[in-house]
């Protein structure tokens, strides 16, 4: 088995040494793999990605047992070396296409900047690459678009520009933070199809952050389900939908309408309550205040259980026991 491209083990991120945004999160991404991190807003998905890129705010502190990219230790890496990787071998599509581009600069200047810096290319070569990639991601009349400003483009076009920008230096890892946010359903489908095509074409590994399990079903090879900063379930996409183990994952799946099974006159499932803000030193299961199976023991230490070789979950109850409690 080849070494993973990105390896995260026991990653934690705290803010002002009080709020624990990410707690001991672990997952790996192989070369050519699409790994989805899924969960509600506020569960630590984006913070985990920013920790990988070392783009956290000054009030944040990251620690990990292991945080490596292509065998290089990201924790011990000097910022100068990190700047050489960022935008070059690893790139990120930020969450909001409407505000991620600088309104004061043209599309062309923003697209060519990183390529000229990392590849030491001429403006002519950088422009030619930008035109090529803009055409590849489905932007018509790319030469004309280079001279436009972000406000002159639709949300879908801006998102395509962000994808082209991320691909300018042919990265090995592409981090996409909810790349279909604020886009209509038709454009969402186009963007997801495009990312799949680009993964195969460029040999990309993709870390895709989303709260949409429909997106996971379409593109993921493997999945990490996050809740309150923790990875509560980690497995392949196929196994996640076929046999979810954690009560939170089951709750998420119950919220999705299933053709031929969901009845029109009955409401979809829902998870009561909200994701708690977890402080440093919190113990027990963070989901216990919203879980129908929780008892006093859930306030104690929760160990990771193994369902299969590639399926782990963070819960003291087995699925069999959960079903017994549900019938009781």
C-alpha atoms as a PDB file:
ATOM      1  CA  UNK A   1       0.000   0.000   0.000  1.00  0.00           C
ATOM      2  CA  UNK A   2       1.444   3.381  -1.039  1.00  0.00           C
ATOM      3  CA  UNK A   3       1.982   6.165   1.492  1.00  0.00           C
ATOM      4  CA  UNK A   4      -0.892   8.675   1.746  1.00  0.00           C
ATOM      5  CA  UNK A   5      -0.469  12.114   0.199  1.00  0.00           C
ATOM      6  CA  UNK A   6      -1.985  13.852   3.237  1.00  0.00           C
ATOM      7  CA  UNK A   7      -1.873  12.300   6.688  1.00  0.00           C
ATOM      8  CA  UNK A   8      -3.611  13.851   9.688  1.00  0.00           C
ATOM      9  CA  UNK A   9      -3.392  12.226  13.105  1.00  0.00           C
ATOM     10  CA  UNK A  10      -4.864  13.711  16.302  1.00  0.00           C
ATOM     11  CA  UNK A  11      -5.181  17.238  14.895  1.00  0.00           C
ATOM     12  CA  UNK A  12      -6.509  19.761  17.416  1.00  0.00           C
ATOM     13  CA  UNK A  13      -7.174  23.471  16.962  1.00  0.00           C
ATOM     14  CA  UNK A  14      -8.026  25.835  19.818  1.00  0.00           C
ATOM     15  CA  UNK A  15      -8.902  29.527  19.805  1.00  0.00           C
ATOM     16  CA  UNK A  16      -7.613  31.761  22.608  1.00  0.00           C
ATOM     17  CA  UNK A  17      -6.749  28.536  24.469  1.00  0.00           C
ATOM     18  CA  UNK A  18     -10.424  28.178  25.400  1.00  0.00           C
ATOM     19  CA  UNK A  19     -12.584  27.023  22.501  1.00  0.00           C
ATOM     20  CA  UNK A  20     -11.754  23.628  20.980  1.00  0.00           C
ATOM     21  CA  UNK A  21     -12.716  23.923  17.320  1.00  0.00           C
ATOM     22  CA  UNK A  22     -11.072  20.630  16.272  1.00  0.00           C
ATOM     23  CA  UNK A  23     -10.352  17.768  18.675  1.00  0.00           C
ATOM     24  CA  UNK A  24      -8.041  14.865  17.823  1.00  0.00           C
ATOM     25  CA  UNK A  25      -9.216  14.564  14.224  1.00  0.00           C
ATOM     26  CA  UNK A  26      -7.527  11.889  12.112  1.00  0.00           C
ATOM     27  CA  UNK A  27      -7.829  10.843   8.459  1.00  0.00           C
ATOM     28  CA  UNK A  28      -5.685  10.114   5.423  1.00  0.00           C
ATOM     29  CA  UNK A  29      -6.009  10.962   1.748  1.00  0.00           C
ATOM     30  CA  UNK A  30      -4.377   8.760  -0.857  1.00  0.00           C
ATOM     31  CA  UNK A  31      -3.139   9.903  -4.238  1.00  0.00           C
ATOM     32  CA  UNK A  32      -5.982  10.253  -6.724  1.00  0.00           C
ATOM     33  CA  UNK A  33      -8.591   9.929  -3.966  1.00  0.00           C
ATOM     34  CA  UNK A  34     -11.546  12.161  -3.138  1.00  0.00           C
ATOM     35  CA  UNK A  35     -12.062  12.379   0.608  1.00  0.00           C
ATOM     36  CA  UNK A  36     -15.152  14.167   1.902  1.00  0.00           C
ATOM     37  CA  UNK A  37     -15.427  15.772   5.328  1.00  0.00           C
ATOM     38  CA  UNK A  38     -19.111  16.155   6.161  1.00  0.00           C
ATOM     39  CA  UNK A  39     -21.049  17.641   9.056  1.00  0.00           C
ATOM     40  CA  UNK A  40     -23.185  20.553  10.197  1.00  0.00           C
ATOM     41  CA  UNK A  41     -21.982  24.151  10.149  1.00  0.00           C
ATOM     42  CA  UNK A  42     -19.664  24.813  13.080  1.00  0.00           C
ATOM     43  CA  UNK A  43     -18.346  21.268  13.442  1.00  0.00           C
ATOM     44  CA  UNK A  44     -14.741  22.101  12.482  1.00  0.00           C
ATOM     45  CA  UNK A  45     -14.580  21.147   8.798  1.00  0.00           C
ATOM     46  CA  UNK A  46     -13.214  24.422   7.434  1.00  0.00           C
ATOM     47  CA  UNK A  47     -10.919  24.959  10.422  1.00  0.00           C
ATOM     48  CA  UNK A  48      -9.327  21.558   9.734  1.00  0.00           C
ATOM     49  CA  UNK A  49      -8.634  22.564   6.137  1.00  0.00           C
ATOM     50  CA  UNK A  50      -7.203  25.935   7.157  1.00  0.00           C
ATOM     51  CA  UNK A  51      -4.979  24.145   9.683  1.00  0.00           C
ATOM     52  CA  UNK A  52      -3.553  21.989   6.880  1.00  0.00           C
ATOM     53  CA  UNK A  53      -2.801  25.112   4.821  1.00  0.00           C
ATOM     54  CA  UNK A  54      -1.495  26.981   7.907  1.00  0.00           C
ATOM     55  CA  UNK A  55      -3.957  29.816   7.265  1.00  0.00           C
ATOM     56  CA  UNK A  56      -5.422  29.987  10.765  1.00  0.00           C
ATOM     57  CA  UNK A  57      -5.804  33.334  12.509  1.00  0.00           C
ATOM     58  CA  UNK A  58      -3.213  34.363  15.096  1.00  0.00           C
ATOM     59  CA  UNK A  59      -5.566  33.495  17.989  1.00  0.00           C
ATOM     60  CA  UNK A  60      -5.629  29.854  16.877  1.00  0.00           C
ATOM     61  CA  UNK A  61      -3.209  27.156  17.946  1.00  0.00           C
ATOM     62  CA  UNK A  62      -2.830  23.849  16.111  1.00  0.00           C
ATOM     63  CA  UNK A  63      -1.290  20.682  17.486  1.00  0.00           C
ATOM     64  CA  UNK A  64      -1.109  17.170  16.063  1.00  0.00           C
ATOM     65  CA  UNK A  65       0.620  13.870  16.525  1.00  0.00           C
ATOM     66  CA  UNK A  66       1.213  13.887  12.781  1.00  0.00           C
ATOM     67  CA  UNK A  67       0.422  16.370  10.026  1.00  0.00           C
ATOM     68  CA  UNK A  68       2.276  15.573   6.830  1.00  0.00           C
ATOM     69  CA  UNK A  69       2.002  16.252   3.111  1.00  0.00           C
ATOM     70  CA  UNK A  70       3.882  13.989   0.681  1.00  0.00           C
ATOM     71  CA  UNK A  71       6.077  12.894   3.574  1.00  0.00           C
ATOM     72  CA  UNK A  72       6.931  16.448   4.727  1.00  0.00           C
ATOM     73  CA  UNK A  73       6.094  17.518   8.278  1.00  0.00           C
ATOM     74  CA  UNK A  74       3.751  20.506   8.037  1.00  0.00           C
ATOM     75  CA  UNK A  75       3.965  21.245  11.764  1.00  0.00           C
ATOM     76  CA  UNK A  76       7.730  21.745  11.762  1.00  0.00           C
ATOM     77  CA  UNK A  77       7.808  23.416   8.343  1.00  0.00           C
ATOM     78  CA  UNK A  78       9.065  27.035   8.228  1.00  0.00           C
ATOM     79  CA  UNK A  79       6.610  29.557   6.788  1.00  0.00           C
ATOM     80  CA  UNK A  80       8.921  30.220   3.840  1.00  0.00           C
ATOM     81  CA  UNK A  81       8.729  26.569   2.805  1.00  0.00           C
ATOM     82  CA  UNK A  82       4.980  26.500   3.465  1.00  0.00           C
ATOM     83  CA  UNK A  83       4.526  29.473   1.145  1.00  0.00           C
ATOM     84  CA  UNK A  84       6.276  27.460  -1.568  1.00  0.00           C
ATOM     85  CA  UNK A  85       3.739  24.637  -1.180  1.00  0.00           C
ATOM     86  CA  UNK A  86       0.618  26.766  -0.781  1.00  0.00           C
ATOM     87  CA  UNK A  87      -0.945  27.577  -4.141  1.00  0.00           C
ATOM     88  CA  UNK A  88       1.644  25.381  -5.826  1.00  0.00           C
ATOM     89  CA  UNK A  89       1.556  21.730  -4.731  1.00  0.00           C
ATOM     90  CA  UNK A  90      -1.513  22.204  -2.547  1.00  0.00           C
ATOM     91  CA  UNK A  91      -4.307  24.621  -3.421  1.00  0.00           C
ATOM     92  CA  UNK A  92      -7.620  25.641  -1.907  1.00  0.00           C
ATOM     93  CA  UNK A  93     -10.972  26.706  -3.300  1.00  0.00           C
ATOM     94  CA  UNK A  94     -12.462  28.877  -0.578  1.00  0.00           C
ATOM     95  CA  UNK A  95     -16.044  28.607   0.564  1.00  0.00           C
ATOM     96  CA  UNK A  96     -17.740  31.694  -0.851  1.00  0.00           C
ATOM     97  CA  UNK A  97     -17.178  32.363  -4.580  1.00  0.00           C
ATOM     98  CA  UNK A  98     -18.900  35.750  -4.340  1.00  0.00           C
ATOM     99  CA  UNK A  99     -16.274  37.174  -1.956  1.00  0.00           C
ATOM    100  CA  UNK A 100     -13.151  35.042  -2.484  1.00  0.00           C
ATOM    101  CA  UNK A 101     -11.902  37.099  -5.424  1.00  0.00           C
ATOM    102  CA  UNK A 102     -10.403  40.547  -4.874  1.00  0.00           C
ATOM    103  CA  UNK A 103     -12.835  43.118  -6.329  1.00  0.00           C
ATOM    104  CA  UNK A 104     -10.022  45.610  -7.058  1.00  0.00           C
ATOM    105  CA  UNK A 105      -8.096  43.370  -9.485  1.00  0.00           C
ATOM    106  CA  UNK A 106      -8.985  41.851 -12.827  1.00  0.00           C
ATOM    107  CA  UNK A 107      -9.587  38.149 -13.237  1.00  0.00           C
ATOM    108  CA  UNK A 108      -6.435  37.879 -15.317  1.00  0.00           C
ATOM    109  CA  UNK A 109      -4.135  39.446 -12.745  1.00  0.00           C
ATOM    110  CA  UNK A 110      -5.496  37.188  -9.983  1.00  0.00           C
ATOM    111  CA  UNK A 111      -5.190  34.059 -12.098  1.00  0.00           C
ATOM    112  CA  UNK A 112      -1.618  34.655 -13.254  1.00  0.00           C
ATOM    113  CA  UNK A 113      -0.087  35.859  -9.975  1.00  0.00           C
ATOM    114  CA  UNK A 114       0.600  32.482  -8.363  1.00  0.00           C
ATOM    115  CA  UNK A 115       1.803  30.903 -11.613  1.00  0.00           C
ATOM    116  CA  UNK A 116       4.344  33.676 -12.206  1.00  0.00           C
ATOM    117  CA  UNK A 117       5.529  33.455  -8.601  1.00  0.00           C
ATOM    118  CA  UNK A 118       5.840  29.693  -8.231  1.00  0.00           C
ATOM    119  CA  UNK A 119       6.884  28.774 -11.772  1.00  0.00           C
ATOM    120  CA  UNK A 120       8.889  31.956 -12.451  1.00  0.00           C
ATOM    121  CA  UNK A 121       7.017  32.232 -15.729  1.00  0.00           C
ATOM    122  CA  UNK A 122       6.631  35.256 -17.984  1.00  0.00           C
ATOM    123  CA  UNK A 123       3.362  37.178 -18.106  1.00  0.00           C
ATOM    124  CA  UNK A 124       2.805  35.820 -21.603  1.00  0.00           C
ATOM    125  CA  UNK A 125       3.148  32.188 -20.502  1.00  0.00           C
ATOM    126  CA  UNK A 126       1.004  32.772 -17.416  1.00  0.00           C
ATOM    127  CA  UNK A 127      -1.726  34.379 -19.495  1.00  0.00           C
ATOM    128  CA  UNK A 128      -1.666  31.497 -21.973  1.00  0.00           C
ATOM    129  CA  UNK A 129      -2.051  29.010 -19.123  1.00  0.00           C
ATOM    130  CA  UNK A 130      -4.896  31.035 -17.611  1.00  0.00           C
ATOM    131  CA  UNK A 131      -6.753  31.107 -20.933  1.00  0.00           C
ATOM    132  CA  UNK A 132      -6.275  27.359 -21.362  1.00  0.00           C
ATOM    133  CA  UNK A 133      -7.577  26.525 -17.883  1.00  0.00           C
ATOM    134  CA  UNK A 134     -10.490  28.939 -18.082  1.00  0.00           C
ATOM    135  CA  UNK A 135     -11.562  27.203 -21.262  1.00  0.00           C
ATOM    136  CA  UNK A 136     -11.088  23.808 -19.596  1.00  0.00           C
ATOM    137  CA  UNK A 137     -13.373  24.689 -16.702  1.00  0.00           C
ATOM    138  CA  UNK A 138     -16.106  25.799 -19.082  1.00  0.00           C
ATOM    139  CA  UNK A 139     -15.684  29.576 -19.231  1.00  0.00           C
ATOM    140  CA  UNK A 140     -16.573  30.931 -22.662  1.00  0.00           C
ATOM    141  CA  UNK A 141     -14.518  33.720 -24.276  1.00  0.00           C
ATOM    142  CA  UNK A 142     -11.684  33.345 -21.732  1.00  0.00           C
ATOM    143  CA  UNK A 143      -9.492  36.027 -23.360  1.00  0.00           C
ATOM    144  CA  UNK A 144     -12.219  38.607 -22.785  1.00  0.00           C
ATOM    145  CA  UNK A 145     -12.862  37.436 -19.214  1.00  0.00           C
ATOM    146  CA  UNK A 146      -9.238  38.079 -18.249  1.00  0.00           C
ATOM    147  CA  UNK A 147      -9.856  41.818 -18.418  1.00  0.00           C
ATOM    148  CA  UNK A 148     -13.067  41.724 -16.388  1.00  0.00           C
ATOM    149  CA  UNK A 149     -13.523  42.312 -12.666  1.00  0.00           C
ATOM    150  CA  UNK A 150     -15.230  39.815 -10.335  1.00  0.00           C
ATOM    151  CA  UNK A 151     -18.455  41.841 -10.078  1.00  0.00           C
ATOM    152  CA  UNK A 152     -18.948  41.404 -13.817  1.00  0.00           C
ATOM    153  CA  UNK A 153     -19.202  37.604 -13.467  1.00  0.00           C
ATOM    154  CA  UNK A 154     -22.028  35.441 -12.188  1.00  0.00           C
ATOM    155  CA  UNK A 155     -21.622  33.222  -9.131  1.00  0.00           C
ATOM    156  CA  UNK A 156     -21.133  30.136 -11.286  1.00  0.00           C
ATOM    157  CA  UNK A 157     -18.452  31.815 -13.377  1.00  0.00           C
ATOM    158  CA  UNK A 158     -16.650  33.065 -10.274  1.00  0.00           C
ATOM    159  CA  UNK A 159     -16.587  29.545  -8.895  1.00  0.00           C
ATOM    160  CA  UNK A 160     -15.118  28.277 -12.163  1.00  0.00           C
ATOM    161  CA  UNK A 161     -12.484  31.021 -11.973  1.00  0.00           C
ATOM    162  CA  UNK A 162     -11.630  29.867  -8.451  1.00  0.00           C
ATOM    163  CA  UNK A 163     -11.205  26.296  -9.714  1.00  0.00           C
ATOM    164  CA  UNK A 164      -9.012  27.462 -12.605  1.00  0.00           C
ATOM    165  CA  UNK A 165      -6.934  29.550 -10.180  1.00  0.00           C
ATOM    166  CA  UNK A 166      -6.410  26.552  -7.906  1.00  0.00           C
ATOM    167  CA  UNK A 167      -5.234  24.458 -10.870  1.00  0.00           C
ATOM    168  CA  UNK A 168      -2.808  27.004 -12.319  1.00  0.00           C
ATOM    169  CA  UNK A 169       0.290  25.387 -10.781  1.00  0.00           C
ATOM    170  CA  UNK A 170      -0.876  21.762 -11.207  1.00  0.00           C
ATOM    171  CA  UNK A 171      -1.289  20.953  -7.492  1.00  0.00           C
ATOM    172  CA  UNK A 172      -1.215  17.431  -6.088  1.00  0.00           C
ATOM    173  CA  UNK A 173      -3.857  18.239  -3.447  1.00  0.00           C
ATOM    174  CA  UNK A 174      -6.951  20.356  -4.026  1.00  0.00           C
ATOM    175  CA  UNK A 175      -8.941  21.428  -0.955  1.00  0.00           C
ATOM    176  CA  UNK A 176     -12.476  22.466  -1.906  1.00  0.00           C
ATOM    177  CA  UNK A 177     -14.399  24.117   0.934  1.00  0.00           C
ATOM    178  CA  UNK A 178     -18.102  23.756   0.067  1.00  0.00           C
ATOM    179  CA  UNK A 179     -17.478  24.672  -3.595  1.00  0.00           C
ATOM    180  CA  UNK A 180     -21.185  24.630  -4.479  1.00  0.00           C
ATOM    181  CA  UNK A 181     -22.368  27.031  -1.745  1.00  0.00           C
ATOM    182  CA  UNK A 182     -24.752  29.764  -2.983  1.00  0.00           C
ATOM    183  CA  UNK A 183     -25.020  28.187  -6.439  1.00  0.00           C
ATOM    184  CA  UNK A 184     -28.266  26.976  -7.970  1.00  0.00           C
ATOM    185  CA  UNK A 185     -28.865  23.240  -8.346  1.00  0.00           C
ATOM    186  CA  UNK A 186     -27.980  23.087 -12.049  1.00  0.00           C
ATOM    187  CA  UNK A 187     -24.656  24.883 -11.562  1.00  0.00           C
ATOM    188  CA  UNK A 188     -23.897  22.720  -8.501  1.00  0.00           C
ATOM    189  CA  UNK A 189     -24.188  19.596 -10.618  1.00  0.00           C
ATOM    190  CA  UNK A 190     -21.933  21.111 -13.273  1.00  0.00           C
ATOM    191  CA  UNK A 191     -19.250  22.048 -10.728  1.00  0.00           C
ATOM    192  CA  UNK A 192     -19.262  18.577  -9.151  1.00  0.00           C
ATOM    193  CA  UNK A 193     -19.027  16.915 -12.548  1.00  0.00           C
ATOM    194  CA  UNK A 194     -16.161  19.243 -13.447  1.00  0.00           C
ATOM    195  CA  UNK A 195     -14.234  18.425 -10.258  1.00  0.00           C
ATOM    196  CA  UNK A 196     -14.581  14.710 -10.977  1.00  0.00           C
ATOM    197  CA  UNK A 197     -13.311  15.164 -14.519  1.00  0.00           C
ATOM    198  CA  UNK A 198     -10.390  17.316 -13.387  1.00  0.00           C
ATOM    199  CA  UNK A 199      -9.410  14.773 -10.728  1.00  0.00           C
ATOM    200  CA  UNK A 200      -9.018  12.104 -13.384  1.00  0.00           C
ATOM    201  CA  UNK A 201      -7.386  14.429 -15.898  1.00  0.00           C
ATOM    202  CA  UNK A 202      -4.805  15.976 -13.576  1.00  0.00           C
ATOM    203  CA  UNK A 203      -4.374  13.089 -11.119  1.00  0.00           C
ATOM    204  CA  UNK A 204      -5.576  15.225  -8.234  1.00  0.00           C
ATOM    205  CA  UNK A 205      -6.275  14.228  -4.671  1.00  0.00           C
ATOM    206  CA  UNK A 206      -9.292  16.165  -3.409  1.00  0.00           C
ATOM    207  CA  UNK A 207     -10.302  17.069   0.130  1.00  0.00           C
ATOM    208  CA  UNK A 208     -13.933  18.120  -0.280  1.00  0.00           C
ATOM    209  CA  UNK A 209     -15.700  19.842   2.604  1.00  0.00           C
ATOM    210  CA  UNK A 210     -19.480  19.744   2.531  1.00  0.00           C
ATOM    211  CA  UNK A 211     -22.625  19.439   4.626  1.00  0.00           C
ATOM    212  CA  UNK A 212     -24.513  17.853   1.728  1.00  0.00           C
ATOM    213  CA  UNK A 213     -24.625  14.049   1.782  1.00  0.00           C
ATOM    214  CA  UNK A 214     -25.937  14.115  -1.768  1.00  0.00           C
ATOM    215  CA  UNK A 215     -22.577  15.573  -2.817  1.00  0.00           C
ATOM    216  CA  UNK A 216     -20.794  12.851  -0.830  1.00  0.00           C
ATOM    217  CA  UNK A 217     -22.750  10.141  -2.630  1.00  0.00           C
ATOM    218  CA  UNK A 218     -21.741  11.550  -6.022  1.00  0.00           C
ATOM    219  CA  UNK A 219     -18.020  12.110  -5.648  1.00  0.00           C
ATOM    220  CA  UNK A 220     -16.488  10.594  -2.478  1.00  0.00           C
ATOM    221  CA  UNK A 221     -14.170   7.620  -2.234  1.00  0.00           C
ATOM    222  CA  UNK A 222     -13.895   7.919   1.549  1.00  0.00           C
ATOM    223  CA  UNK A 223     -15.686  10.005   4.171  1.00  0.00           C
ATOM    224  CA  UNK A 224     -15.053  11.501   7.600  1.00  0.00           C
ATOM    225  CA  UNK A 225     -18.153  12.603   9.516  1.00  0.00           C
ATOM    226  CA  UNK A 226     -17.350  15.436  11.937  1.00  0.00           C
ATOM    227  CA  UNK A 227     -19.322  16.584  14.951  1.00  0.00           C
ATOM    228  CA  UNK A 228     -18.271  19.250  17.474  1.00  0.00           C
ATOM    229  CA  UNK A 229     -14.673  19.108  16.276  1.00  0.00           C
ATOM    230  CA  UNK A 230     -14.311  15.321  16.328  1.00  0.00           C
ATOM    231  CA  UNK A 231     -14.317  12.728  13.562  1.00  0.00           C
ATOM    232  CA  UNK A 232     -17.161  10.518  14.810  1.00  0.00           C
ATOM    233  CA  UNK A 233     -17.143   8.124  11.841  1.00  0.00           C
ATOM    234  CA  UNK A 234     -14.631   7.339   9.115  1.00  0.00           C
ATOM    235  CA  UNK A 235     -15.145   4.864   6.292  1.00  0.00           C
ATOM    236  CA  UNK A 236     -15.618   4.442   2.552  1.00  0.00           C
ATOM    237  CA  UNK A 237     -18.512   6.279   0.930  1.00  0.00           C
ATOM    238  CA  UNK A 238     -20.178   3.015  -0.055  1.00  0.00           C
ATOM    239  CA  UNK A 239     -19.997   1.657   3.499  1.00  0.00           C
ATOM    240  CA  UNK A 240     -21.247   4.904   5.026  1.00  0.00           C
ATOM    241  CA  UNK A 241     -24.517   4.786   3.127  1.00  0.00           C
ATOM    242  CA  UNK A 242     -24.908   1.010   3.382  1.00  0.00           C
ATOM    243  CA  UNK A 243     -24.182   0.587   7.094  1.00  0.00           C
ATOM    244  CA  UNK A 244     -23.754   3.783   9.154  1.00  0.00           C
ATOM    245  CA  UNK A 245     -22.591   3.135  12.720  1.00  0.00           C
ATOM    246  CA  UNK A 246     -22.764   6.400  14.647  1.00  0.00           C
ATOM    247  CA  UNK A 247     -26.158   7.823  15.802  1.00  0.00           C
ATOM    248  CA  UNK A 248     -25.230  11.212  14.341  1.00  0.00           C
ATOM    249  CA  UNK A 249     -24.529   9.706  10.918  1.00  0.00           C
ATOM    250  CA  UNK A 250     -27.814   7.834  11.073  1.00  0.00           C
ATOM    251  CA  UNK A 251     -29.545  11.087  11.961  1.00  0.00           C
ATOM    252  CA  UNK A 252     -27.996  12.877   8.981  1.00  0.00           C
ATOM    253  CA  UNK A 253     -29.051  10.115   6.609  1.00  0.00           C
ATOM    254  CA  UNK A 254     -32.615  10.151   7.968  1.00  0.00           C
ATOM    255  CA  UNK A 255     -32.896  13.783   6.843  1.00  0.00           C
ATOM    256  CA  UNK A 256     -32.467  12.813   3.183  1.00  0.00           C
ATOM    257  CA  UNK A 257     -35.528  11.905   1.079  1.00  0.00           C
ATOM    258  CA  UNK A 258     -35.168   8.474  -0.531  1.00  0.00           C
ATOM    259  CA  UNK A 259     -37.021   7.954  -3.838  1.00  0.00           C
ATOM    260  CA  UNK A 260     -39.564   5.167  -3.481  1.00  0.00           C
ATOM    261  CA  UNK A 261     -39.243   5.011   0.322  1.00  0.00           C
ATOM    262  CA  UNK A 262     -39.935   8.475   1.714  1.00  0.00           C
ATOM    263  CA  UNK A 263     -43.666   9.143   1.985  1.00  0.00           C
ATOM    264  CA  UNK A 264     -44.967  12.452   0.714  1.00  0.00           C
ATOM    265  CA  UNK A 265     -47.308  13.015   3.636  1.00  0.00           C
ATOM    266  CA  UNK A 266     -44.712  12.352   6.343  1.00  0.00           C
ATOM    267  CA  UNK A 267     -41.986  14.782   7.499  1.00  0.00           C
ATOM    268  CA  UNK A 268     -38.347  13.937   6.988  1.00  0.00           C
ATOM    269  CA  UNK A 269     -36.211  13.025   9.961  1.00  0.00           C
ATOM    270  CA  UNK A 270     -34.453  15.752  11.917  1.00  0.00           C
ATOM    271  CA  UNK A 271     -31.866  16.052  14.671  1.00  0.00           C
ATOM    272  CA  UNK A 272     -33.077  18.216  17.566  1.00  0.00           C
ATOM    273  CA  UNK A 273     -30.842  20.876  19.086  1.00  0.00           C
ATOM    274  CA  UNK A 274     -27.655  22.479  17.767  1.00  0.00           C
ATOM    275  CA  UNK A 275     -23.942  21.667  17.661  1.00  0.00           C
ATOM    276  CA  UNK A 276     -22.490  22.689  21.061  1.00  0.00           C
ATOM    277  CA  UNK A 277     -19.491  24.980  21.463  1.00  0.00           C
ATOM    278  CA  UNK A 278     -16.905  22.763  23.095  1.00  0.00           C
ATOM    279  CA  UNK A 279     -14.306  24.242  25.419  1.00  0.00           C
ATOM    280  CA  UNK A 280     -10.835  22.875  26.154  1.00  0.00           C
ATOM    281  CA  UNK A 281     -11.038  19.995  28.633  1.00  0.00           C
ATOM    282  CA  UNK A 282     -14.502  18.820  27.524  1.00  0.00           C
ATOM    283  CA  UNK A 283     -15.015  15.100  28.129  1.00  0.00           C
ATOM    284  CA  UNK A 284     -17.524  12.537  26.980  1.00  0.00           C
ATOM    285  CA  UNK A 285     -19.642  12.370  23.857  1.00  0.00           C
ATOM    286  CA  UNK A 286     -20.484  15.818  22.487  1.00  0.00           C
ATOM    287  CA  UNK A 287     -23.555  14.388  20.751  1.00  0.00           C
ATOM    288  CA  UNK A 288     -25.120  13.070  23.965  1.00  0.00           C
ATOM    289  CA  UNK A 289     -27.410  16.099  24.459  1.00  0.00           C
ATOM    290  CA  UNK A 290     -29.060  15.340  21.095  1.00  0.00           C
ATOM    291  CA  UNK A 291     -28.849  11.536  21.083  1.00  0.00           C
ATOM    292  CA  UNK A 292     -31.887   9.366  21.821  1.00  0.00           C
ATOM    293  CA  UNK A 293     -29.638   6.586  23.179  1.00  0.00           C
ATOM    294  CA  UNK A 294     -27.518   8.665  25.585  1.00  0.00           C
ATOM    295  CA  UNK A 295     -27.187   7.787  29.265  1.00  0.00           C
ATOM    296  CA  UNK A 296     -24.924   8.768  32.169  1.00  0.00           C
ATOM    297  CA  UNK A 297     -22.028   6.662  30.837  1.00  0.00           C
ATOM    298  CA  UNK A 298     -21.845   8.860  27.733  1.00  0.00           C
ATOM    299  CA  UNK A 299     -20.272  11.577  29.889  1.00  0.00           C
ATOM    300  CA  UNK A 300     -17.203   9.390  30.372  1.00  0.00           C
ATOM    301  CA  UNK A 301     -14.387   8.421  28.040  1.00  0.00           C
ATOM    302  CA  UNK A 302     -15.576   7.328  24.576  1.00  0.00           C
ATOM    303  CA  UNK A 303     -13.287   4.943  22.731  1.00  0.00           C
ATOM    304  CA  UNK A 304     -13.128   4.421  18.978  1.00  0.00           C
ATOM    305  CA  UNK A 305     -14.724   1.180  17.804  1.00  0.00           C
ATOM    306  CA  UNK A 306     -13.934  -0.735  14.628  1.00  0.00           C
ATOM    307  CA  UNK A 307     -16.736  -2.104  12.481  1.00  0.00           C
ATOM    308  CA  UNK A 308     -14.446  -3.320   9.669  1.00  0.00           C
ATOM    309  CA  UNK A 309     -10.820  -2.752   8.738  1.00  0.00           C
ATOM    310  CA  UNK A 310     -11.668   0.571   7.075  1.00  0.00           C
ATOM    311  CA  UNK A 311     -14.670   1.611   9.174  1.00  0.00           C
ATOM    312  CA  UNK A 312     -14.242   3.294  12.572  1.00  0.00           C
ATOM    313  CA  UNK A 313     -16.727   5.174  14.730  1.00  0.00           C
ATOM    314  CA  UNK A 314     -16.684   7.035  18.032  1.00  0.00           C
ATOM    315  CA  UNK A 315     -19.532   5.662  20.167  1.00  0.00           C
ATOM    316  CA  UNK A 316     -19.828   3.367  23.186  1.00  0.00           C
ATOM    317  CA  UNK A 317     -22.889   1.637  21.696  1.00  0.00           C
ATOM    318  CA  UNK A 318     -22.764  -0.837  18.846  1.00  0.00           C
ATOM    319  CA  UNK A 319     -25.375  -0.474  16.071  1.00  0.00           C
ATOM    320  CA  UNK A 320     -27.033  -3.660  17.354  1.00  0.00           C
ATOM    321  CA  UNK A 321     -27.448  -2.104  20.794  1.00  0.00           C
ATOM    322  CA  UNK A 322     -28.744   1.112  19.229  1.00  0.00           C
ATOM    323  CA  UNK A 323     -31.433  -0.867  17.411  1.00  0.00           C
ATOM    324  CA  UNK A 324     -32.395  -2.660  20.622  1.00  0.00           C
ATOM    325  CA  UNK A 325     -32.794   0.650  22.425  1.00  0.00           C
ATOM    326  CA  UNK A 326     -34.818   2.064  19.530  1.00  0.00           C
ATOM    327  CA  UNK A 327     -37.274  -0.856  19.757  1.00  0.00           C
ATOM    328  CA  UNK A 328     -37.578  -0.620  23.540  1.00  0.00           C
END
